[in-house]
Amino acid sequence: MARTPSAGRLEVVATPIGNLGDLSSRAREVLATADLIAAEDTRRTAQLLNAIGVTGQLISLHDHNEAARIEPLLQQLQAGKVIALVSDAGTPLLSDPGFGLVRAAAAAGIEVRAVPGASAVTAALSIAGLATDRFVFEGFLPTRAAERRALLARLASEARTLVLFEAPHRIGATLADLAQSFGEERAAVVTRELTKMHESVYRGTLAELCAMAREDADFARGEITVVIAGAAPELAASGDSELLTRALQLLLQALPPARAAAIAAQLAGARRSDAYQLALRLQRDAAAE
């Protein structure tokens, strides 16, 4: 859709994930001159603005109010206002609110500009030492154990490097689930508090990282990003893991594990032994819920 001549502009602004020195001069200028700043948490953004000597009009835009905020913000954009969209830290929309507003603004012909900068995703990838030519970002995994394990089972044969966020109180359980689903020898990196005073990077196999999580009290503190090596070619080619998991979830409702595994393996092009082990795991997870 063509842009309305009198319309304003939506600036999607990346802010530091820790170190204030990472705020670009362009981002500072946009925040200083915007008519309105839509922030995930106005208190945190107010602290940022105060730290850089900027005053600005703030309005909250988060998961619980974004739908209601879109129309009033669109009206201001269409009236010629410039609105800066920020999240608590890093690049907006990456596991943060703002997608609805950006989509609506673009559909209405409003100019949407990116003011790029810090992102925990790219920061973690840049120092992980794992393949970066192709990667998958999964955001936060499901909080319920059975749902998390089902998703990991589908991702086990993913050949691309995997990046995800995790809450500190769940990182130990998530690493254990990763080791079970991906294999204990899969290489991975856990980054903690990137760009902040207590930045830490833990490297090793998933089994080694599980041990570190148990032994290091600081492991489960702060903002955490996990980078996991992609599956080896032979595993990536061993069938459609997502189809296998979905098929087993349906078949196990009516059939015993061995029979369900035999049918699901044929459907997904997977080994019957792998399908049976996954069937048993899914059955255990369902019983534990």
C-alpha atoms as a PDB file:
ATOM      1  CA  MET A   1       0.000   0.000   0.000  1.00  0.00           C
ATOM      2  CA  ALA A   2       1.304   3.454  -0.885  1.00  0.00           C
ATOM      3  CA  ARG A   3       2.257   5.736   1.961  1.00  0.00           C
ATOM      4  CA  THR A   4      -0.174   8.526   2.871  1.00  0.00           C
ATOM      5  CA  PRO A   5       1.626  11.837   2.219  1.00  0.00           C
ATOM      6  CA  SER A   6       0.594  13.379   5.549  1.00  0.00           C
ATOM      7  CA  ALA A   7       1.337  10.259   7.589  1.00  0.00           C
ATOM      8  CA  GLY A   8       3.963  10.082  10.284  1.00  0.00           C
ATOM      9  CA  ARG A   9       6.514   7.358  10.821  1.00  0.00           C
ATOM     10  CA  LEU A  10       7.065   4.359  13.061  1.00  0.00           C
ATOM     11  CA  GLU A  11      10.686   3.892  14.158  1.00  0.00           C
ATOM     12  CA  VAL A  12      11.550   0.421  15.469  1.00  0.00           C
ATOM     13  CA  VAL A  13      14.492   1.159  17.745  1.00  0.00           C
ATOM     14  CA  ALA A  14      16.964  -1.359  19.169  1.00  0.00           C
ATOM     15  CA  THR A  15      18.203  -0.480  22.658  1.00  0.00           C
ATOM     16  CA  PRO A  16      21.144  -1.936  24.633  1.00  0.00           C
ATOM     17  CA  ILE A  17      20.842  -5.398  26.152  1.00  0.00           C
ATOM     18  CA  GLY A  18      23.109  -4.291  28.984  1.00  0.00           C
ATOM     19  CA  ASN A  19      25.929  -1.914  28.139  1.00  0.00           C
ATOM     20  CA  LEU A  20      24.625   1.615  27.525  1.00  0.00           C
ATOM     21  CA  GLY A  21      27.603   2.256  25.258  1.00  0.00           C
ATOM     22  CA  ASP A  22      25.914   0.048  22.657  1.00  0.00           C
ATOM     23  CA  LEU A  23      23.144   2.591  22.041  1.00  0.00           C
ATOM     24  CA  SER A  24      23.811   4.075  18.598  1.00  0.00           C
ATOM     25  CA  SER A  25      23.894   7.814  18.020  1.00  0.00           C
ATOM     26  CA  ARG A  26      21.027   7.385  15.564  1.00  0.00           C
ATOM     27  CA  ALA A  27      18.913   5.566  18.148  1.00  0.00           C
ATOM     28  CA  ARG A  28      19.632   8.316  20.681  1.00  0.00           C
ATOM     29  CA  GLU A  29      18.550  10.972  18.174  1.00  0.00           C
ATOM     30  CA  VAL A  30      15.338   9.122  17.312  1.00  0.00           C
ATOM     31  CA  LEU A  31      14.423   8.710  20.981  1.00  0.00           C
ATOM     32  CA  ALA A  32      15.150  12.375  21.631  1.00  0.00           C
ATOM     33  CA  THR A  33      13.019  13.669  18.755  1.00  0.00           C
ATOM     34  CA  ALA A  34      10.100  11.205  18.576  1.00  0.00           C
ATOM     35  CA  ASP A  35       6.684  12.589  19.437  1.00  0.00           C
ATOM     36  CA  LEU A  36       5.879   9.447  21.402  1.00  0.00           C
ATOM     37  CA  ILE A  37       7.802   6.382  22.616  1.00  0.00           C
ATOM     38  CA  ALA A  38       5.850   3.114  22.807  1.00  0.00           C
ATOM     39  CA  ALA A  39       7.665   1.006  25.407  1.00  0.00           C
ATOM     40  CA  GLU A  40       7.234  -2.531  26.705  1.00  0.00           C
ATOM     41  CA  ASP A  41       7.843  -1.281  30.252  1.00  0.00           C
ATOM     42  CA  THR A  42       7.707   2.491  30.633  1.00  0.00           C
ATOM     43  CA  ARG A  43       9.636   2.355  33.914  1.00  0.00           C
ATOM     44  CA  ARG A  44      12.616   0.596  32.358  1.00  0.00           C
ATOM     45  CA  THR A  45      12.590   2.833  29.307  1.00  0.00           C
ATOM     46  CA  ALA A  46      12.363   5.908  31.553  1.00  0.00           C
ATOM     47  CA  GLN A  47      15.559   4.722  33.259  1.00  0.00           C
ATOM     48  CA  LEU A  48      17.264   4.415  29.879  1.00  0.00           C
ATOM     49  CA  LEU A  49      16.122   7.862  28.791  1.00  0.00           C
ATOM     50  CA  ASN A  50      17.276   9.380  32.073  1.00  0.00           C
ATOM     51  CA  ALA A  51      20.680   7.707  31.706  1.00  0.00           C
ATOM     52  CA  ILE A  52      21.223   9.218  28.242  1.00  0.00           C
ATOM     53  CA  GLY A  53      19.801  12.620  29.146  1.00  0.00           C
ATOM     54  CA  VAL A  54      16.674  12.380  27.021  1.00  0.00           C
ATOM     55  CA  THR A  55      13.109  13.312  27.915  1.00  0.00           C
ATOM     56  CA  GLY A  56      10.195  11.897  25.992  1.00  0.00           C
ATOM     57  CA  GLN A  57       6.517  11.082  26.211  1.00  0.00           C
ATOM     58  CA  LEU A  58       6.041   7.401  27.008  1.00  0.00           C
ATOM     59  CA  ILE A  59       3.134   5.028  26.486  1.00  0.00           C
ATOM     60  CA  SER A  60       3.106   1.353  27.404  1.00  0.00           C
ATOM     61  CA  LEU A  61       2.834  -1.283  24.685  1.00  0.00           C
ATOM     62  CA  HIS A  62       3.068  -4.855  25.953  1.00  0.00           C
ATOM     63  CA  ASP A  63       1.528  -8.280  25.391  1.00  0.00           C
ATOM     64  CA  HIS A  64      -1.552  -7.493  27.485  1.00  0.00           C
ATOM     65  CA  ASN A  65      -2.530  -4.165  25.913  1.00  0.00           C
ATOM     66  CA  GLU A  66      -1.086  -4.144  22.394  1.00  0.00           C
ATOM     67  CA  ALA A  67      -4.370  -5.021  20.676  1.00  0.00           C
ATOM     68  CA  ALA A  68      -6.114  -2.084  22.363  1.00  0.00           C
ATOM     69  CA  ARG A  69      -3.239   0.324  21.681  1.00  0.00           C
ATOM     70  CA  ILE A  70      -2.945  -0.252  17.937  1.00  0.00           C
ATOM     71  CA  GLU A  71      -5.846   1.887  16.725  1.00  0.00           C
ATOM     72  CA  PRO A  72      -5.034   4.981  18.853  1.00  0.00           C
ATOM     73  CA  LEU A  73      -1.375   4.766  17.834  1.00  0.00           C
ATOM     74  CA  LEU A  74      -2.326   4.394  14.172  1.00  0.00           C
ATOM     75  CA  GLN A  75      -4.439   7.534  14.461  1.00  0.00           C
ATOM     76  CA  GLN A  76      -1.447   9.452  15.790  1.00  0.00           C
ATOM     77  CA  LEU A  77       0.771   8.099  13.007  1.00  0.00           C
ATOM     78  CA  GLN A  78      -1.803   9.060  10.406  1.00  0.00           C
ATOM     79  CA  ALA A  79      -1.914  12.545  11.940  1.00  0.00           C
ATOM     80  CA  GLY A  80       1.786  12.946  11.204  1.00  0.00           C
ATOM     81  CA  LYS A  81       3.349  11.889  14.502  1.00  0.00           C
ATOM     82  CA  VAL A  82       6.648  10.036  14.757  1.00  0.00           C
ATOM     83  CA  ILE A  83       6.471   7.108  17.181  1.00  0.00           C
ATOM     84  CA  ALA A  84       9.496   5.168  18.421  1.00  0.00           C
ATOM     85  CA  LEU A  85       8.859   1.530  19.359  1.00  0.00           C
ATOM     86  CA  VAL A  86      11.214  -0.006  21.926  1.00  0.00           C
ATOM     87  CA  SER A  87      11.297  -3.150  24.048  1.00  0.00           C
ATOM     88  CA  ASP A  88      12.867  -3.597  27.471  1.00  0.00           C
ATOM     89  CA  ALA A  89      16.196  -4.461  25.849  1.00  0.00           C
ATOM     90  CA  GLY A  90      17.528  -5.360  22.426  1.00  0.00           C
ATOM     91  CA  THR A  91      15.629  -5.381  19.149  1.00  0.00           C
ATOM     92  CA  PRO A  92      11.815  -5.127  19.366  1.00  0.00           C
ATOM     93  CA  LEU A  93       9.622  -8.010  18.158  1.00  0.00           C
ATOM     94  CA  LEU A  94      12.256 -10.716  18.875  1.00  0.00           C
ATOM     95  CA  SER A  95      10.294 -12.501  21.616  1.00  0.00           C
ATOM     96  CA  ASP A  96       8.965  -9.032  22.504  1.00  0.00           C
ATOM     97  CA  PRO A  97       5.709  -7.186  21.709  1.00  0.00           C
ATOM     98  CA  GLY A  98       5.245  -4.879  18.745  1.00  0.00           C
ATOM     99  CA  PHE A  99       4.406  -7.219  15.872  1.00  0.00           C
ATOM    100  CA  GLY A 100       0.758  -6.181  15.805  1.00  0.00           C
ATOM    101  CA  LEU A 101       1.589  -2.484  15.644  1.00  0.00           C
ATOM    102  CA  VAL A 102       4.234  -2.909  12.941  1.00  0.00           C
ATOM    103  CA  ARG A 103       1.910  -5.030  10.806  1.00  0.00           C
ATOM    104  CA  ALA A 104      -0.970  -2.607  11.212  1.00  0.00           C
ATOM    105  CA  ALA A 105       1.196   0.415  10.424  1.00  0.00           C
ATOM    106  CA  ALA A 106       2.592  -1.221   7.305  1.00  0.00           C
ATOM    107  CA  ALA A 107      -0.900  -2.239   6.166  1.00  0.00           C
ATOM    108  CA  ALA A 108      -2.089   1.354   6.652  1.00  0.00           C
ATOM    109  CA  GLY A 109       0.683   2.695   4.453  1.00  0.00           C
ATOM    110  CA  ILE A 110       2.674   4.181   7.320  1.00  0.00           C
ATOM    111  CA  GLU A 111       6.446   4.298   6.833  1.00  0.00           C
ATOM    112  CA  VAL A 112       8.179   1.837   9.186  1.00  0.00           C
ATOM    113  CA  ARG A 113      11.910   2.276   9.710  1.00  0.00           C
ATOM    114  CA  ALA A 114      14.416   0.036  11.466  1.00  0.00           C
ATOM    115  CA  VAL A 115      16.974   1.610  13.780  1.00  0.00           C
ATOM    116  CA  PRO A 116      19.161  -1.483  14.252  1.00  0.00           C
ATOM    117  CA  GLY A 117      21.386  -2.270  17.176  1.00  0.00           C
ATOM    118  CA  ALA A 118      21.867  -4.787  19.941  1.00  0.00           C
ATOM    119  CA  SER A 119      20.217  -8.223  19.938  1.00  0.00           C
ATOM    120  CA  ALA A 120      20.929 -11.101  22.303  1.00  0.00           C
ATOM    121  CA  VAL A 121      20.337 -13.480  19.372  1.00  0.00           C
ATOM    122  CA  THR A 122      23.094 -12.129  17.147  1.00  0.00           C
ATOM    123  CA  ALA A 123      25.376 -11.316  20.076  1.00  0.00           C
ATOM    124  CA  ALA A 124      25.263 -14.933  21.308  1.00  0.00           C
ATOM    125  CA  LEU A 125      25.743 -16.318  17.800  1.00  0.00           C
ATOM    126  CA  SER A 126      28.746 -14.072  17.196  1.00  0.00           C
ATOM    127  CA  ILE A 127      30.708 -15.525  20.125  1.00  0.00           C
ATOM    128  CA  ALA A 128      29.380 -19.095  20.280  1.00  0.00           C
ATOM    129  CA  GLY A 129      31.862 -20.563  17.836  1.00  0.00           C
ATOM    130  CA  LEU A 130      29.110 -22.627  16.208  1.00  0.00           C
ATOM    131  CA  ALA A 131      27.929 -22.433  12.606  1.00  0.00           C
ATOM    132  CA  THR A 132      26.229 -19.112  11.817  1.00  0.00           C
ATOM    133  CA  ASP A 133      25.554 -19.408   8.088  1.00  0.00           C
ATOM    134  CA  ARG A 134      22.096 -20.828   8.820  1.00  0.00           C
ATOM    135  CA  PHE A 135      20.254 -20.745  12.131  1.00  0.00           C
ATOM    136  CA  VAL A 136      16.790 -21.055  13.683  1.00  0.00           C
ATOM    137  CA  PHE A 137      15.506 -18.794  16.467  1.00  0.00           C
ATOM    138  CA  GLU A 138      12.937 -20.489  18.726  1.00  0.00           C
ATOM    139  CA  GLY A 139      12.488 -17.747  21.330  1.00  0.00           C
ATOM    140  CA  PHE A 140      11.336 -19.100  24.690  1.00  0.00           C
ATOM    141  CA  LEU A 141      10.460 -22.795  24.858  1.00  0.00           C
ATOM    142  CA  PRO A 142       7.119 -23.880  26.384  1.00  0.00           C
ATOM    143  CA  THR A 143       7.083 -23.724  30.177  1.00  0.00           C
ATOM    144  CA  ARG A 144       5.237 -27.033  30.592  1.00  0.00           C
ATOM    145  CA  ALA A 145       7.642 -29.950  30.543  1.00  0.00           C
ATOM    146  CA  ALA A 146       5.594 -32.198  28.235  1.00  0.00           C
ATOM    147  CA  GLU A 147       5.101 -29.437  25.657  1.00  0.00           C
ATOM    148  CA  ARG A 148       8.771 -28.480  25.823  1.00  0.00           C
ATOM    149  CA  ARG A 149       9.921 -32.063  25.299  1.00  0.00           C
ATOM    150  CA  ALA A 150       7.509 -32.563  22.407  1.00  0.00           C
ATOM    151  CA  LEU A 151       8.884 -29.468  20.685  1.00  0.00           C
ATOM    152  CA  LEU A 152      12.484 -30.548  21.280  1.00  0.00           C
ATOM    153  CA  ALA A 153      11.704 -33.962  19.828  1.00  0.00           C
ATOM    154  CA  ARG A 154      10.573 -32.215  16.635  1.00  0.00           C
ATOM    155  CA  LEU A 155      13.729 -30.076  16.593  1.00  0.00           C
ATOM    156  CA  ALA A 156      16.172 -32.919  17.261  1.00  0.00           C
ATOM    157  CA  SER A 157      16.977 -33.466  13.586  1.00  0.00           C
ATOM    158  CA  GLU A 158      17.164 -29.750  12.708  1.00  0.00           C
ATOM    159  CA  ALA A 159      20.428 -29.252  10.806  1.00  0.00           C
ATOM    160  CA  ARG A 160      20.636 -25.508  11.404  1.00  0.00           C
ATOM    161  CA  THR A 161      22.130 -23.960  14.543  1.00  0.00           C
ATOM    162  CA  LEU A 162      19.396 -23.371  17.119  1.00  0.00           C
ATOM    163  CA  VAL A 163      19.109 -20.235  19.272  1.00  0.00           C
ATOM    164  CA  LEU A 164      16.681 -19.901  22.155  1.00  0.00           C
ATOM    165  CA  PHE A 165      16.018 -17.856  25.270  1.00  0.00           C
ATOM    166  CA  GLU A 166      15.401 -19.407  28.678  1.00  0.00           C
ATOM    167  CA  ALA A 167      14.410 -18.190  32.113  1.00  0.00           C
ATOM    168  CA  PRO A 168      17.069 -18.700  34.814  1.00  0.00           C
ATOM    169  CA  HIS A 169      14.880 -20.948  36.960  1.00  0.00           C
ATOM    170  CA  ARG A 170      14.243 -23.318  34.013  1.00  0.00           C
ATOM    171  CA  ILE A 171      17.700 -23.504  32.432  1.00  0.00           C
ATOM    172  CA  GLY A 172      18.749 -26.662  34.295  1.00  0.00           C
ATOM    173  CA  ALA A 173      15.598 -28.569  33.313  1.00  0.00           C
ATOM    174  CA  THR A 174      15.807 -27.309  29.735  1.00  0.00           C
ATOM    175  CA  LEU A 175      19.416 -28.431  29.351  1.00  0.00           C
ATOM    176  CA  ALA A 176      18.458 -31.864  30.693  1.00  0.00           C
ATOM    177  CA  ASP A 177      15.622 -32.080  28.166  1.00  0.00           C
ATOM    178  CA  LEU A 178      17.945 -30.931  25.389  1.00  0.00           C
ATOM    179  CA  ALA A 179      20.478 -33.621  26.306  1.00  0.00           C
ATOM    180  CA  GLN A 180      17.771 -36.272  26.282  1.00  0.00           C
ATOM    181  CA  SER A 181      16.278 -35.164  22.958  1.00  0.00           C
ATOM    182  CA  PHE A 182      19.413 -34.093  21.061  1.00  0.00           C
ATOM    183  CA  GLY A 183      21.954 -36.426  22.654  1.00  0.00           C
ATOM    184  CA  GLU A 184      24.406 -35.671  25.430  1.00  0.00           C
ATOM    185  CA  GLU A 185      27.313 -35.104  23.031  1.00  0.00           C
ATOM    186  CA  ARG A 186      25.672 -32.293  21.037  1.00  0.00           C
ATOM    187  CA  ALA A 187      27.790 -29.116  21.295  1.00  0.00           C
ATOM    188  CA  ALA A 188      26.157 -26.030  22.793  1.00  0.00           C
ATOM    189  CA  VAL A 189      26.911 -22.671  24.371  1.00  0.00           C
ATOM    190  CA  VAL A 190      25.047 -20.922  27.178  1.00  0.00           C
ATOM    191  CA  THR A 191      25.533 -17.155  27.424  1.00  0.00           C
ATOM    192  CA  ARG A 192      24.504 -15.214  30.499  1.00  0.00           C
ATOM    193  CA  GLU A 193      24.172 -11.454  31.056  1.00  0.00           C
ATOM    194  CA  LEU A 194      25.632 -10.536  27.658  1.00  0.00           C
ATOM    195  CA  THR A 195      27.378  -7.116  27.612  1.00  0.00           C
ATOM    196  CA  LYS A 196      26.777  -6.671  31.355  1.00  0.00           C
ATOM    197  CA  MET A 197      29.233  -6.695  34.251  1.00  0.00           C
ATOM    198  CA  HIS A 198      28.736 -10.391  34.985  1.00  0.00           C
ATOM    199  CA  GLU A 199      28.749 -11.636  31.389  1.00  0.00           C
ATOM    200  CA  SER A 200      29.546 -15.353  31.271  1.00  0.00           C
ATOM    201  CA  VAL A 201      29.902 -17.863  28.451  1.00  0.00           C
ATOM    202  CA  TYR A 202      29.698 -21.610  29.124  1.00  0.00           C
ATOM    203  CA  ARG A 203      30.834 -23.982  26.369  1.00  0.00           C
ATOM    204  CA  GLY A 204      30.710 -27.767  26.074  1.00  0.00           C
ATOM    205  CA  THR A 205      28.489 -30.686  25.261  1.00  0.00           C
ATOM    206  CA  LEU A 206      24.940 -30.718  26.564  1.00  0.00           C
ATOM    207  CA  ALA A 207      26.015 -33.247  29.200  1.00  0.00           C
ATOM    208  CA  GLU A 208      28.859 -30.984  30.314  1.00  0.00           C
ATOM    209  CA  LEU A 209      26.568 -27.966  30.438  1.00  0.00           C
ATOM    210  CA  CYS A 210      24.092 -29.923  32.577  1.00  0.00           C
ATOM    211  CA  ALA A 211      26.914 -30.587  35.039  1.00  0.00           C
ATOM    212  CA  MET A 212      27.925 -26.918  35.015  1.00  0.00           C
ATOM    213  CA  ALA A 213      24.352 -25.898  35.749  1.00  0.00           C
ATOM    214  CA  ARG A 214      24.307 -28.160  38.791  1.00  0.00           C
ATOM    215  CA  GLU A 215      27.686 -27.027  40.109  1.00  0.00           C
ATOM    216  CA  ASP A 216      27.747 -23.282  39.396  1.00  0.00           C
ATOM    217  CA  ALA A 217      25.267 -21.215  41.411  1.00  0.00           C
ATOM    218  CA  ASP A 218      25.683 -18.271  39.014  1.00  0.00           C
ATOM    219  CA  PHE A 219      24.644 -20.380  36.017  1.00  0.00           C
ATOM    220  CA  ALA A 220      20.941 -19.808  36.722  1.00  0.00           C
ATOM    221  CA  ARG A 221      21.087 -16.033  37.101  1.00  0.00           C
ATOM    222  CA  GLY A 222      20.348 -13.191  34.727  1.00  0.00           C
ATOM    223  CA  GLU A 223      19.346 -13.104  31.064  1.00  0.00           C
ATOM    224  CA  ILE A 224      20.175 -16.378  29.289  1.00  0.00           C
ATOM    225  CA  THR A 225      20.600 -17.202  25.602  1.00  0.00           C
ATOM    226  CA  VAL A 226      21.402 -20.743  24.465  1.00  0.00           C
ATOM    227  CA  VAL A 227      23.034 -21.685  21.151  1.00  0.00           C
ATOM    228  CA  ILE A 228      22.984 -25.357  20.094  1.00  0.00           C
ATOM    229  CA  ALA A 229      24.809 -26.958  17.181  1.00  0.00           C
ATOM    230  CA  GLY A 230      22.647 -28.351  14.398  1.00  0.00           C
ATOM    231  CA  ALA A 231      22.111 -32.060  13.993  1.00  0.00           C
ATOM    232  CA  ALA A 232      24.724 -34.134  12.185  1.00  0.00           C
ATOM    233  CA  PRO A 233      23.820 -34.805   8.520  1.00  0.00           C
ATOM    234  CA  GLU A 234      22.947 -38.437   9.166  1.00  0.00           C
ATOM    235  CA  LEU A 235      20.480 -37.436  11.900  1.00  0.00           C
ATOM    236  CA  ALA A 236      19.040 -34.561   9.894  1.00  0.00           C
ATOM    237  CA  ALA A 237      18.352 -36.995   7.045  1.00  0.00           C
ATOM    238  CA  SER A 238      16.773 -39.671   9.208  1.00  0.00           C
ATOM    239  CA  GLY A 239      13.193 -38.636   8.621  1.00  0.00           C
ATOM    240  CA  ASP A 240      10.683 -35.910   9.343  1.00  0.00           C
ATOM    241  CA  SER A 241      10.930 -35.544  13.124  1.00  0.00           C
ATOM    242  CA  GLU A 242       8.049 -33.080  13.353  1.00  0.00           C
ATOM    243  CA  LEU A 243       5.742 -35.407  11.437  1.00  0.00           C
ATOM    244  CA  LEU A 244       6.950 -38.343  13.542  1.00  0.00           C
ATOM    245  CA  THR A 245       6.105 -36.558  16.793  1.00  0.00           C
ATOM    246  CA  ARG A 246       2.685 -35.406  15.596  1.00  0.00           C
ATOM    247  CA  ALA A 247       1.838 -38.863  14.298  1.00  0.00           C
ATOM    248  CA  LEU A 248       2.862 -40.523  17.549  1.00  0.00           C
ATOM    249  CA  GLN A 249       0.876 -38.060  19.643  1.00  0.00           C
ATOM    250  CA  LEU A 250      -2.249 -39.009  17.708  1.00  0.00           C
ATOM    251  CA  LEU A 251      -1.604 -42.745  17.418  1.00  0.00           C
ATOM    252  CA  LEU A 252      -0.742 -43.176  21.101  1.00  0.00           C
ATOM    253  CA  GLN A 253      -4.267 -42.132  21.986  1.00  0.00           C
ATOM    254  CA  ALA A 254      -5.531 -45.423  20.547  1.00  0.00           C
ATOM    255  CA  LEU A 255      -2.571 -47.792  20.129  1.00  0.00           C
ATOM    256  CA  PRO A 256       0.197 -49.287  22.282  1.00  0.00           C
ATOM    257  CA  PRO A 257       3.680 -47.731  21.804  1.00  0.00           C
ATOM    258  CA  ALA A 258       5.101 -50.511  19.612  1.00  0.00           C
ATOM    259  CA  ARG A 259       2.218 -50.436  17.148  1.00  0.00           C
ATOM    260  CA  ALA A 260       2.068 -46.624  17.120  1.00  0.00           C
ATOM    261  CA  ALA A 261       5.824 -46.474  16.492  1.00  0.00           C
ATOM    262  CA  ALA A 262       5.643 -48.902  13.577  1.00  0.00           C
ATOM    263  CA  ILE A 263       2.977 -46.850  11.797  1.00  0.00           C
ATOM    264  CA  ALA A 264       4.518 -43.462  12.600  1.00  0.00           C
ATOM    265  CA  ALA A 265       7.963 -44.593  11.419  1.00  0.00           C
ATOM    266  CA  GLN A 266       6.548 -45.518   8.017  1.00  0.00           C
ATOM    267  CA  LEU A 267       4.717 -42.204   7.724  1.00  0.00           C
ATOM    268  CA  ALA A 268       7.739 -40.078   8.656  1.00  0.00           C
ATOM    269  CA  GLY A 269      10.479 -42.109   7.017  1.00  0.00           C
ATOM    270  CA  ALA A 270      12.167 -42.673  10.380  1.00  0.00           C
ATOM    271  CA  ARG A 271      13.807 -45.695  11.971  1.00  0.00           C
ATOM    272  CA  ARG A 272      11.350 -47.859  13.878  1.00  0.00           C
ATOM    273  CA  SER A 273      13.680 -48.034  16.899  1.00  0.00           C
ATOM    274  CA  ASP A 274      13.858 -44.213  17.060  1.00  0.00           C
ATOM    275  CA  ALA A 275      10.088 -43.960  16.760  1.00  0.00           C
ATOM    276  CA  TYR A 276       9.629 -46.482  19.587  1.00  0.00           C
ATOM    277  CA  GLN A 277      11.970 -44.617  21.934  1.00  0.00           C
ATOM    278  CA  LEU A 278      10.166 -41.367  21.181  1.00  0.00           C
ATOM    279  CA  ALA A 279       6.798 -43.058  21.726  1.00  0.00           C
ATOM    280  CA  LEU A 280       7.890 -44.219  25.174  1.00  0.00           C
ATOM    281  CA  ARG A 281       9.133 -40.728  26.038  1.00  0.00           C
ATOM    282  CA  LEU A 282       5.907 -39.084  24.881  1.00  0.00           C
ATOM    283  CA  GLN A 283       3.874 -41.624  26.839  1.00  0.00           C
ATOM    284  CA  ARG A 284       5.903 -40.914  30.016  1.00  0.00           C
ATOM    285  CA  ASP A 285       5.529 -37.167  29.570  1.00  0.00           C
ATOM    286  CA  ALA A 286       1.773 -37.459  29.078  1.00  0.00           C
ATOM    287  CA  ALA A 287       1.447 -39.600  32.208  1.00  0.00           C
ATOM    288  CA  ALA A 288       3.449 -37.053  34.238  1.00  0.00           C
ATOM    289  CA  GLU A 289       1.125 -34.179  33.353  1.00  0.00           C
END
